[in-house]
Every structure is written in structure tokens, then in C-alpha cells.
C-alpha atoms as a PDB file:
ATOM      1  CA  MET A   1     139.402  72.426  63.079  1.00  0.00           C
ATOM      2  CA  ASN A   2     138.488  73.684  59.560  1.00  0.00           C
ATOM      3  CA  LYS A   3     142.158  74.596  58.821  1.00  0.00           C
ATOM      4  CA  LYS A   4     143.257  70.975  59.268  1.00  0.00           C
ATOM      5  CA  ILE A   5     140.804  69.577  56.677  1.00  0.00           C
ATOM      6  CA  MET A   6     143.317  70.114  53.845  1.00  0.00           C
ATOM      7  CA  GLU A   7     146.406  69.248  55.914  1.00  0.00           C
ATOM      8  CA  ASN A   8     148.364  66.499  54.182  1.00  0.00           C
ATOM      9  CA  ARG A   9     145.922  66.484  51.281  1.00  0.00           C
ATOM     10  CA  TYR A  10     146.835  66.739  47.612  1.00  0.00           C
ATOM     11  CA  GLY A  11     144.683  69.843  46.874  1.00  0.00           C
ATOM     12  CA  ILE A  12     143.601  71.432  43.590  1.00  0.00           C
ATOM     13  CA  ASP A  13     145.749  71.166  40.451  1.00  0.00           C
ATOM     14  CA  LYS A  14     145.147  71.688  36.704  1.00  0.00           C
ATOM     15  CA  PHE A  15     143.821  68.180  36.208  1.00  0.00           C
ATOM     16  CA  SER A  16     141.347  68.552  39.099  1.00  0.00           C
ATOM     17  CA  LYS A  17     140.154  71.925  37.733  1.00  0.00           C
ATOM     18  CA  PHE A  18     139.754  70.266  34.266  1.00  0.00           C
ATOM     19  CA  LEU A  19     137.708  67.421  35.799  1.00  0.00           C
ATOM     20  CA  LEU A  20     135.482  69.824  37.687  1.00  0.00           C
ATOM     21  CA  LEU A  21     134.842  71.925  34.592  1.00  0.00           C
ATOM     22  CA  LEU A  22     134.162  68.801  32.518  1.00  0.00           C
ATOM     23  CA  SER A  23     131.832  67.439  35.211  1.00  0.00           C
ATOM     24  CA  VAL A  24     129.771  70.682  35.170  1.00  0.00           C
ATOM     25  CA  VAL A  25     129.453  70.453  31.384  1.00  0.00           C
ATOM     26  CA  PHE A  26     128.237  66.900  31.641  1.00  0.00           C
ATOM     27  CA  ILE A  27     125.866  67.703  34.546  1.00  0.00           C
ATOM     28  CA  ILE A  28     124.272  70.511  32.586  1.00  0.00           C
ATOM     29  CA  SER A  29     123.374  68.150  29.813  1.00  0.00           C
ATOM     30  CA  ASN A  30     120.500  65.918  30.920  1.00  0.00           C
ATOM     31  CA  LYS A  31     121.563  62.807  29.014  1.00  0.00           C
ATOM     32  CA  THR A  32     125.045  62.684  30.495  1.00  0.00           C
ATOM     33  CA  ILE A  33     124.394  63.603  34.185  1.00  0.00           C
ATOM     34  CA  ILE A  34     125.704  60.282  35.498  1.00  0.00           C
ATOM     35  CA  ILE A  35     129.065  60.765  33.770  1.00  0.00           C
ATOM     36  CA  GLY A  36     129.166  64.363  35.168  1.00  0.00           C
ATOM     37  CA  VAL A  37     128.485  63.156  38.703  1.00  0.00           C
ATOM     38  CA  GLY A  38     131.171  60.468  38.322  1.00  0.00           C
ATOM     39  CA  LEU A  39     133.776  62.979  37.204  1.00  0.00           C
ATOM     40  CA  LEU A  40     132.741  65.249  40.028  1.00  0.00           C
ATOM     41  CA  ILE A  41     133.265  62.487  42.583  1.00  0.00           C
ATOM     42  CA  TYR A  42     136.627  61.593  41.110  1.00  0.00           C
ATOM     43  CA  SER A  43     137.827  65.217  41.087  1.00  0.00           C
ATOM     44  CA  LEU A  44     136.796  65.573  44.750  1.00  0.00           C
ATOM     45  CA  PHE A  45     138.612  62.233  45.482  1.00  0.00           C
ATOM     46  CA  ARG A  46     141.793  63.666  43.844  1.00  0.00           C
ATOM     47  CA  ILE A  47     141.541  66.919  45.777  1.00  0.00           C
ATOM     48  CA  PHE A  48     141.164  65.219  49.184  1.00  0.00           C
ATOM     49  CA  SER A  49     143.481  62.354  48.473  1.00  0.00           C
ATOM     50  CA  LYS A  50     146.489  61.790  50.779  1.00  0.00           C
ATOM     51  CA  ASN A  51     148.356  59.723  48.284  1.00  0.00           C
ATOM     52  CA  THR A  52     150.274  62.631  46.663  1.00  0.00           C
ATOM     53  CA  GLY A  53     152.619  60.475  44.729  1.00  0.00           C
ATOM     54  CA  LYS A  54     149.882  58.913  42.595  1.00  0.00           C
ATOM     55  CA  ARG A  55     148.119  62.298  42.201  1.00  0.00           C
ATOM     56  CA  THR A  56     151.310  63.885  41.029  1.00  0.00           C
ATOM     57  CA  GLU A  57     151.868  61.045  38.509  1.00  0.00           C
ATOM     58  CA  GLU A  58     148.326  61.510  37.259  1.00  0.00           C
ATOM     59  CA  GLU A  59     148.997  65.286  36.883  1.00  0.00           C
ATOM     60  CA  ARG A  60     152.152  64.690  35.006  1.00  0.00           C
ATOM     61  CA  LYS A  61     150.401  62.352  32.508  1.00  0.00           C
ATOM     62  CA  PHE A  62     147.609  64.887  32.035  1.00  0.00           C
ATOM     63  CA  GLU A  63     150.212  67.607  31.382  1.00  0.00           C
ATOM     64  CA  ASN A  64     151.997  65.338  28.803  1.00  0.00           C
ATOM     65  CA  TYR A  65     148.672  64.630  27.065  1.00  0.00           C
ATOM     66  CA  ILE A  66     147.760  68.370  26.950  1.00  0.00           C
ATOM     67  CA  SER A  67     151.232  69.289  25.548  1.00  0.00           C
ATOM     68  CA  VAL A  68     150.860  66.711  22.769  1.00  0.00           C
ATOM     69  CA  PHE A  69     147.371  68.073  22.011  1.00  0.00           C
ATOM     70  CA  LYS A  70     148.689  71.656  21.955  1.00  0.00           C
ATOM     71  CA  PHE A  71     151.607  70.541  19.744  1.00  0.00           C
ATOM     72  CA  LYS A  72     149.256  68.969  17.260  1.00  0.00           C
ATOM     73  CA  TYR A  73     146.826  71.895  17.375  1.00  0.00           C
ATOM     74  CA  TYR A  74     149.625  74.436  16.657  1.00  0.00           C
ATOM     75  CA  ARG A  75     151.134  72.273  13.973  1.00  0.00           C
ATOM     76  CA  ILE A  76     147.768  72.022  12.104  1.00  0.00           C
ATOM     77  CA  LYS A  77     147.226  75.783  12.691  1.00  0.00           C
ATOM     78  CA  ASN A  78     150.639  76.587  11.168  1.00  0.00           C
ATOM     79  CA  ARG A  79     149.979  74.307   8.251  1.00  0.00           C
ATOM     80  CA  VAL A  80     146.805  76.119   7.453  1.00  0.00           C
ATOM     81  CA  ILE A  81     148.380  79.505   7.835  1.00  0.00           C
ATOM     82  CA  ASN A  82     151.284  78.466   5.624  1.00  0.00           C
ATOM     83  CA  TYR A  83     149.002  76.970   3.078  1.00  0.00           C
ATOM     84  CA  MET A  84     146.938  80.176   2.872  1.00  0.00           C
ATOM     85  CA  GLY A  85     150.092  82.270   2.778  1.00  0.00           C
ATOM     86  CA  LYS A  86     151.570  80.216  -0.100  1.00  0.00           C
ATOM     87  CA  ASN A  87     148.434  80.689  -2.141  1.00  0.00           C
ATOM     88  CA  LYS A  88     148.569  84.485  -1.692  1.00  0.00           C
ATOM     89  CA  LYS A  89     152.308  84.427  -2.427  1.00  0.00           C
ATOM     90  CA  LYS A  90     151.826  82.538  -5.698  1.00  0.00           C
ATOM     91  CA  LYS A  91     149.340  85.150  -6.887  1.00  0.00           C
ATOM     92  CA  LYS A  92     151.488  88.001  -5.767  1.00  0.00           C
ATOM     93  CA  ASP A  93     154.849  86.657  -7.094  1.00  0.00           C
ATOM     94  CA  LYS A  94     153.814  85.213 -10.393  1.00  0.00           C
ATOM     95  CA  ASN A  95     155.316  88.194 -12.260  1.00  0.00           C
ATOM     96  CA  PHE A  96     158.695  87.729 -10.529  1.00  0.00           C
ATOM     97  CA  SER A  97     161.448  85.064 -10.528  1.00  0.00           C
ATOM     98  CA  VAL A  98     164.132  84.337  -7.996  1.00  0.00           C
ATOM     99  CA  ILE A  99     167.784  84.329  -9.052  1.00  0.00           C
ATOM    100  CA  VAL A 100     170.989  83.815  -7.057  1.00  0.00           C
ATOM    101  CA  CYS A 101     173.872  86.273  -6.893  1.00  0.00           C
ATOM    102  CA  PRO A 102     176.934  84.594  -8.469  1.00  0.00           C
ATOM    103  CA  LYS A 103     179.222  86.201  -5.959  1.00  0.00           C
ATOM    104  CA  CYS A 104     177.627  85.768  -2.460  1.00  0.00           C
ATOM    105  CA  SER A 105     174.680  83.334  -3.331  1.00  0.00           C
ATOM    106  CA  GLN A 106     172.064  85.753  -2.043  1.00  0.00           C
ATOM    107  CA  LYS A 107     168.561  85.119  -3.418  1.00  0.00           C
ATOM    108  CA  LEU A 108     167.214  88.109  -5.393  1.00  0.00           C
ATOM    109  CA  ARG A 109     163.746  88.716  -6.849  1.00  0.00           C
ATOM    110  CA  VAL A 110     163.666  90.126 -10.390  1.00  0.00           C
ATOM    111  CA  PRO A 111     160.622  90.925 -12.654  1.00  0.00           C
ATOM    112  CA  LYS A 112     159.843  88.475 -15.434  1.00  0.00           C
ATOM    113  CA  HIS A 113     159.723  89.373 -19.215  1.00  0.00           C
ATOM    114  CA  LYS A 114     161.733  92.563 -18.957  1.00  0.00           C
ATOM    115  CA  GLY A 115     164.546  91.510 -21.318  1.00  0.00           C
ATOM    116  CA  LYS A 116     168.150  92.044 -20.356  1.00  0.00           C
ATOM    117  CA  LEU A 117     168.572  93.591 -16.902  1.00  0.00           C
ATOM    118  CA  ILE A 118     171.458  94.830 -14.825  1.00  0.00           C
ATOM    119  CA  VAL A 119     170.928  93.471 -11.357  1.00  0.00           C
ATOM    120  CA  THR A 120     172.746  94.853  -8.237  1.00  0.00           C
ATOM    121  CA  CYS A 121     172.972  92.417  -5.257  1.00  0.00           C
ATOM    122  CA  SER A 122     171.563  93.998  -2.151  1.00  0.00           C
ATOM    123  CA  LYS A 123     173.954  92.175   0.102  1.00  0.00           C
ATOM    124  CA  CYS A 124     177.328  92.517  -1.588  1.00  0.00           C
ATOM    125  CA  SER A 125     176.598  95.322  -4.173  1.00  0.00           C
ATOM    126  CA  TYR A 126     177.844  93.082  -7.091  1.00  0.00           C
ATOM    127  CA  GLU A 127     176.372  94.105 -10.491  1.00  0.00           C
ATOM    128  CA  PHE A 128     175.688  91.520 -13.123  1.00  0.00           C
ATOM    129  CA  ARG A 129     173.485  91.063 -16.223  1.00  0.00           C
ATOM    130  CA  ILE A 130     170.654  88.606 -16.559  1.00  0.00           C
ATOM    131  CA  LYS A 131     167.953  87.848 -19.138  1.00  0.00           C
ATOM    132  CA  SER A 132     164.588  87.846 -17.512  1.00  0.00           C
END
């Protein structure tokens, strides 16, 4: 008989696991125990529900929300990393300037304040003179 308890039931998915974990966090805190019990009851309702269509729709909405959250998190993370990288790059590259090869338009880095230089392009091996 125990095997038939979960027959035709929705079961556990990511959203149910999230609700269970969140309910445990709220139950541990004394001030929010009512919210935790409510979340626990709702997660158990979802697990034992026979309306799989609605539970699947809830799961899809949860996944969309999480993907938006992850996108924003990684976007902010990349901005911070880029900002930190640009500051290091400015300190490191302040003695160099970037020029463009007149033949193939390759960007080249040359030292500043060295007078007239003969530069060889690393891409097309074209040699030309510049004043740095």
C-alpha cells in the first residue's frame, strides 16, 4: 500500500526543495516560525498534489525567476570584475599607447616617450616608423 501513496502525485521538484529549505530556515528562527510552517505545508501540498499541470506551471515560473536572478547576479559580478580589471590595466598600461597598423589595421602596443621607433606588425610583418 505504501508504494501507491505517490502514484499519480506531482512529487519533489526544485521549487519544492527550495520551499522546504526556506521553511526550515524560517522555523529555526523563533520570530518567523509561522511563516516557516506555512511554507512547509505549501511545499507538502505541492509534493502530494494530483494537479500536475498547475505544479508544472509553478515550477516553470520559479525556474524563470531563478534564471533572471542568476543573469542579474552574473552581470553585476562581471561588471565588478571588469571594473577591477580596468583599474589594474590603467596602472599597468600608462607607459604604453595603442597604435593601428596602416596595412592590416591590427592594434599594436608601443612604449610612450621613446622618440622615433620602427614598429613591426605582429600579424602581417609590415614595418613602419612612428613617433612615440
